[in-house]
PDB file of N, CA and C in Angstrom:
ATOM      1  N   UNK A   1    -139.501 101.615 -71.704  1.00  0.00           N
ATOM      2  CA  UNK A   1    -140.829 101.161 -71.305  1.00  0.00           C
ATOM      3  C   UNK A   1    -141.243 101.820 -69.991  1.00  0.00           C
ATOM      4  N   UNK A   2    -140.274 101.919 -69.060  1.00  0.00           N
ATOM      5  CA  UNK A   2    -140.585 102.520 -67.767  1.00  0.00           C
ATOM      6  C   UNK A   2    -140.968 103.995 -67.914  1.00  0.00           C
ATOM      7  N   UNK A   3    -140.233 104.700 -68.768  1.00  0.00           N
ATOM      8  CA  UNK A   3    -140.542 106.100 -69.003  1.00  0.00           C
ATOM      9  C   UNK A   3    -141.896 106.277 -69.666  1.00  0.00           C
ATOM     10  N   UNK A   4    -142.252 105.329 -70.543  1.00  0.00           N
ATOM     11  CA  UNK A   4    -143.532 105.396 -71.233  1.00  0.00           C
ATOM     12  C   UNK A   4    -144.688 105.267 -70.255  1.00  0.00           C
ATOM     13  N   UNK A   5    -144.598 104.307 -69.333  1.00  0.00           N
ATOM     14  CA  UNK A   5    -145.662 104.116 -68.357  1.00  0.00           C
ATOM     15  C   UNK A   5    -145.753 105.324 -67.423  1.00  0.00           C
ATOM     16  N   UNK A   6    -144.609 105.932 -67.115  1.00  0.00           N
ATOM     17  CA  UNK A   6    -144.608 107.125 -66.276  1.00  0.00           C
ATOM     18  C   UNK A   6    -145.330 108.268 -66.984  1.00  0.00           C
ATOM     19  N   UNK A   7    -145.099 108.401 -68.286  1.00  0.00           N
ATOM     20  CA  UNK A   7    -145.770 109.428 -69.078  1.00  0.00           C
ATOM     21  C   UNK A   7    -147.282 109.212 -69.074  1.00  0.00           C
ATOM     22  N   UNK A   8    -147.704 107.937 -69.198  1.00  0.00           N
ATOM     23  CA  UNK A   8    -149.129 107.611 -69.181  1.00  0.00           C
ATOM     24  C   UNK A   8    -149.732 107.966 -67.823  1.00  0.00           C
ATOM     25  N   UNK A   9    -148.995 107.676 -66.754  1.00  0.00           N
ATOM     26  CA  UNK A   9    -149.468 108.021 -65.413  1.00  0.00           C
ATOM     27  C   UNK A   9    -149.638 109.525 -65.259  1.00  0.00           C
ATOM     28  N   UNK A  10    -148.668 110.284 -65.751  1.00  0.00           N
ATOM     29  CA  UNK A  10    -148.758 111.738 -65.691  1.00  0.00           C
ATOM     30  C   UNK A  10    -149.968 112.242 -66.470  1.00  0.00           C
ATOM     31  N   UNK A  11    -150.202 111.646 -67.634  1.00  0.00           N
ATOM     32  CA  UNK A  11    -151.337 112.023 -68.467  1.00  0.00           C
ATOM     33  C   UNK A  11    -152.646 111.731 -67.748  1.00  0.00           C
ATOM     34  N   UNK A  12    -152.706 110.563 -67.116  1.00  0.00           N
ATOM     35  CA  UNK A  12    -153.911 110.195 -66.365  1.00  0.00           C
ATOM     36  C   UNK A  12    -154.146 111.153 -65.207  1.00  0.00           C
ATOM     37  N   UNK A  13    -153.078 111.527 -64.524  1.00  0.00           N
ATOM     38  CA  UNK A  13    -153.213 112.450 -63.397  1.00  0.00           C
ATOM     39  C   UNK A  13    -153.710 113.804 -63.859  1.00  0.00           C
ATOM     40  N   UNK A  14    -153.282 114.223 -65.036  1.00  0.00           N
ATOM     41  CA  UNK A  14    -153.729 115.500 -65.558  1.00  0.00           C
ATOM     42  C   UNK A  14    -155.180 115.417 -66.032  1.00  0.00           C
ATOM     43  N   UNK A  15    -155.551 114.254 -66.596  1.00  0.00           N
ATOM     44  CA  UNK A  15    -156.896 114.107 -67.144  1.00  0.00           C
ATOM     45  C   UNK A  15    -157.927 113.959 -66.036  1.00  0.00           C
ATOM     46  N   UNK A  16    -157.665 113.064 -65.103  1.00  0.00           N
ATOM     47  CA  UNK A  16    -158.607 112.815 -64.012  1.00  0.00           C
ATOM     48  C   UNK A  16    -158.107 113.471 -62.735  1.00  0.00           C
ATOM     49  N   UNK A  17    -158.965 114.246 -62.061  1.00  0.00           N
ATOM     50  CA  UNK A  17    -158.588 114.785 -60.752  1.00  0.00           C
ATOM     51  C   UNK A  17    -158.390 113.655 -59.744  1.00  0.00           C
ATOM     52  N   UNK A  18    -157.623 113.937 -58.704  1.00  0.00           N
ATOM     53  CA  UNK A  18    -157.348 112.922 -57.699  1.00  0.00           C
ATOM     54  C   UNK A  18    -158.633 112.463 -57.026  1.00  0.00           C
ATOM     55  N   UNK A  19    -159.566 113.378 -56.795  1.00  0.00           N
ATOM     56  CA  UNK A  19    -160.824 113.033 -56.137  1.00  0.00           C
ATOM     57  C   UNK A  19    -161.604 112.011 -56.951  1.00  0.00           C
ATOM     58  N   UNK A  20    -161.610 112.180 -58.267  1.00  0.00           N
ATOM     59  CA  UNK A  20    -162.324 111.246 -59.134  1.00  0.00           C
ATOM     60  C   UNK A  20    -161.676 109.867 -59.080  1.00  0.00           C
ATOM     61  N   UNK A  21    -160.343 109.837 -59.046  1.00  0.00           N
ATOM     62  CA  UNK A  21    -159.635 108.558 -58.953  1.00  0.00           C
ATOM     63  C   UNK A  21    -159.938 107.862 -57.634  1.00  0.00           C
ATOM     64  N   UNK A  22    -159.958 108.626 -56.545  1.00  0.00           N
ATOM     65  CA  UNK A  22    -160.268 108.057 -55.233  1.00  0.00           C
ATOM     66  C   UNK A  22    -161.684 107.516 -55.219  1.00  0.00           C
ATOM     67  N   UNK A  23    -162.621 108.275 -55.813  1.00  0.00           N
ATOM     68  CA  UNK A  23    -164.011 107.843 -55.879  1.00  0.00           C
ATOM     69  C   UNK A  23    -164.132 106.538 -56.652  1.00  0.00           C
ATOM     70  N   UNK A  24    -163.439 106.464 -57.780  1.00  0.00           N
ATOM     71  CA  UNK A  24    -163.452 105.258 -58.599  1.00  0.00           C
ATOM     72  C   UNK A  24    -162.887 104.071 -57.822  1.00  0.00           C
ATOM     73  N   UNK A  25    -161.796 104.316 -57.084  1.00  0.00           N
ATOM     74  CA  UNK A  25    -161.171 103.267 -56.287  1.00  0.00           C
ATOM     75  C   UNK A  25    -162.116 102.769 -55.197  1.00  0.00           C
ATOM     76  N   UNK A  26    -162.821 103.707 -54.539  1.00  0.00           N
ATOM     77  CA  UNK A  26    -163.763 103.333 -53.481  1.00  0.00           C
ATOM     78  C   UNK A  26    -164.903 102.505 -54.050  1.00  0.00           C
ATOM     79  N   UNK A  27    -165.422 102.913 -55.207  1.00  0.00           N
ATOM     80  CA  UNK A  27    -166.506 102.160 -55.848  1.00  0.00           C
ATOM     81  C   UNK A  27    -166.041 100.746 -56.183  1.00  0.00           C
ATOM     82  N   UNK A  28    -164.835 100.633 -56.730  1.00  0.00           N
ATOM     83  CA  UNK A  28    -164.296  99.318 -57.070  1.00  0.00           C
ATOM     84  C   UNK A  28    -164.121  98.460 -55.817  1.00  0.00           C
ATOM     85  N   UNK A  29    -163.666  99.091 -54.731  1.00  0.00           N
ATOM     86  CA  UNK A  29    -163.466  98.378 -53.476  1.00  0.00           C
ATOM     87  C   UNK A  29    -164.788  97.861 -52.922  1.00  0.00           C
ATOM     88  N   UNK A  30    -165.830  98.703 -52.972  1.00  0.00           N
ATOM     89  CA  UNK A  30    -167.153  98.305 -52.479  1.00  0.00           C
ATOM     90  C   UNK A  30    -167.709  97.157 -53.309  1.00  0.00           C
ATOM     91  N   UNK A  31    -167.573  97.259 -54.629  1.00  0.00           N
ATOM     92  CA  UNK A  31    -168.049  96.184 -55.501  1.00  0.00           C
ATOM     93  C   UNK A  31    -167.304  94.886 -55.214  1.00  0.00           C
ATOM     94  N   UNK A  32    -165.997  94.993 -54.986  1.00  0.00           N
ATOM     95  CA  UNK A  32    -165.194  93.816 -54.673  1.00  0.00           C
ATOM     96  C   UNK A  32    -165.636  93.192 -53.351  1.00  0.00           C
ATOM     97  N   UNK A  33    -165.919  94.037 -52.350  1.00  0.00           N
ATOM     98  CA  UNK A  33    -166.361  93.544 -51.045  1.00  0.00           C
ATOM     99  C   UNK A  33    -167.705  92.831 -51.165  1.00  0.00           C
ATOM    100  N   UNK A  34    -168.622  93.410 -51.941  1.00  0.00           N
ATOM    101  CA  UNK A  34    -169.917  92.768 -52.151  1.00  0.00           C
ATOM    102  C   UNK A  34    -169.756  91.426 -52.848  1.00  0.00           C
ATOM    103  N   UNK A  35    -168.849  91.365 -53.790  1.00  0.00           N
ATOM    104  CA  UNK A  35    -168.619  90.126 -54.525  1.00  0.00           C
ATOM    105  C   UNK A  35    -168.070  89.045 -53.594  1.00  0.00           C
ATOM    106  N   UNK A  36    -167.123  89.437 -52.732  1.00  0.00           N
ATOM    107  CA  UNK A  36    -166.552  88.491 -51.774  1.00  0.00           C
ATOM    108  C   UNK A  36    -167.625  88.011 -50.809  1.00  0.00           C
ATOM    109  N   UNK A  37    -168.458  88.934 -50.313  1.00  0.00           N
ATOM    110  CA  UNK A  37    -169.514  88.562 -49.376  1.00  0.00           C
ATOM    111  C   UNK A  37    -170.507  87.619 -50.047  1.00  0.00           C
ATOM    112  N   UNK A  38    -170.849  87.907 -51.293  1.00  0.00           N
ATOM    113  CA  UNK A  38    -171.776  87.052 -52.028  1.00  0.00           C
ATOM    114  C   UNK A  38    -171.198  85.647 -52.191  1.00  0.00           C
ATOM    115  N   UNK A  39    -169.889  85.580 -52.467  1.00  0.00           N
ATOM    116  CA  UNK A  39    -169.225  84.279 -52.601  1.00  0.00           C
ATOM    117  C   UNK A  39    -169.249  83.521 -51.279  1.00  0.00           C
ATOM    118  N   UNK A  40    -168.981  84.222 -50.178  1.00  0.00           N
ATOM    119  CA  UNK A  40    -169.002  83.588 -48.859  1.00  0.00           C
ATOM    120  C   UNK A  40    -170.398  83.094 -48.514  1.00  0.00           C
ATOM    121  N   UNK A  41    -171.415  83.902 -48.826  1.00  0.00           N
ATOM    122  CA  UNK A  41    -172.800  83.520 -48.534  1.00  0.00           C
ATOM    123  C   UNK A  41    -173.177  82.282 -49.332  1.00  0.00           C
ATOM    124  N   UNK A  42    -172.800  82.247 -50.599  1.00  0.00           N
ATOM    125  CA  UNK A  42    -173.158  81.098 -51.432  1.00  0.00           C
ATOM    126  C   UNK A  42    -172.388  79.845 -51.007  1.00  0.00           C
ATOM    127  N   UNK A  43    -171.209  80.032 -50.404  1.00  0.00           N
ATOM    128  CA  UNK A  43    -170.423  78.879 -49.958  1.00  0.00           C
ATOM    129  C   UNK A  43    -170.878  78.361 -48.594  1.00  0.00           C
ATOM    130  N   UNK A  44    -171.063  79.270 -47.642  1.00  0.00           N
ATOM    131  CA  UNK A  44    -171.281  78.861 -46.254  1.00  0.00           C
ATOM    132  C   UNK A  44    -172.716  79.056 -45.781  1.00  0.00           C
ATOM    133  N   UNK A  45    -173.501  79.833 -46.522  1.00  0.00           N
ATOM    134  CA  UNK A  45    -174.859  80.119 -46.065  1.00  0.00           C
ATOM    135  C   UNK A  45    -174.914  81.399 -45.251  1.00  0.00           C
ATOM    136  N   UNK A  46    -176.068  82.056 -45.298  1.00  0.00           N
ATOM    137  CA  UNK A  46    -176.225  83.370 -44.674  1.00  0.00           C
ATOM    138  C   UNK A  46    -176.102  83.307 -43.152  1.00  0.00           C
ATOM    139  N   UNK A  47    -176.617  82.249 -42.532  1.00  0.00           N
ATOM    140  CA  UNK A  47    -176.716  82.208 -41.070  1.00  0.00           C
ATOM    141  C   UNK A  47    -175.355  82.131 -40.381  1.00  0.00           C
ATOM    142  N   UNK A  48    -174.319  81.688 -41.099  1.00  0.00           N
ATOM    143  CA  UNK A  48    -173.004  81.571 -40.471  1.00  0.00           C
ATOM    144  C   UNK A  48    -172.247  82.892 -40.453  1.00  0.00           C
ATOM    145  N   UNK A  49    -172.668  83.835 -41.295  1.00  0.00           N
ATOM    146  CA  UNK A  49    -171.967  85.110 -41.360  1.00  0.00           C
ATOM    147  C   UNK A  49    -172.515  86.071 -40.315  1.00  0.00           C
ATOM    148  N   UNK A  50    -171.644  86.844 -39.670  1.00  0.00           N
ATOM    149  CA  UNK A  50    -172.122  87.882 -38.749  1.00  0.00           C
ATOM    150  C   UNK A  50    -172.822  88.995 -39.520  1.00  0.00           C
ATOM    151  N   UNK A  51    -173.728  89.668 -38.868  1.00  0.00           N
ATOM    152  CA  UNK A  51    -174.452  90.762 -39.530  1.00  0.00           C
ATOM    153  C   UNK A  51    -173.518  91.930 -39.783  1.00  0.00           C
ATOM    154  N   UNK A  52    -173.744  92.632 -40.920  1.00  0.00           N
ATOM    155  CA  UNK A  52    -172.924  93.792 -41.195  1.00  0.00           C
ATOM    156  C   UNK A  52    -172.525  93.866 -42.616  1.00  0.00           C
TER     157      UNK A  52
END
């Protein structure tokens, strides 16, 4: 099983360039941050959060 997942990782690395993977990761991170901020705003209200 471990060797199989390693093979899949190698295949993914060959298929997608590292830059594309990093870009995808950054997009996911930004979306996650927005989701967390939205949750905080809905819980505590906008005025309690610092600007940014």
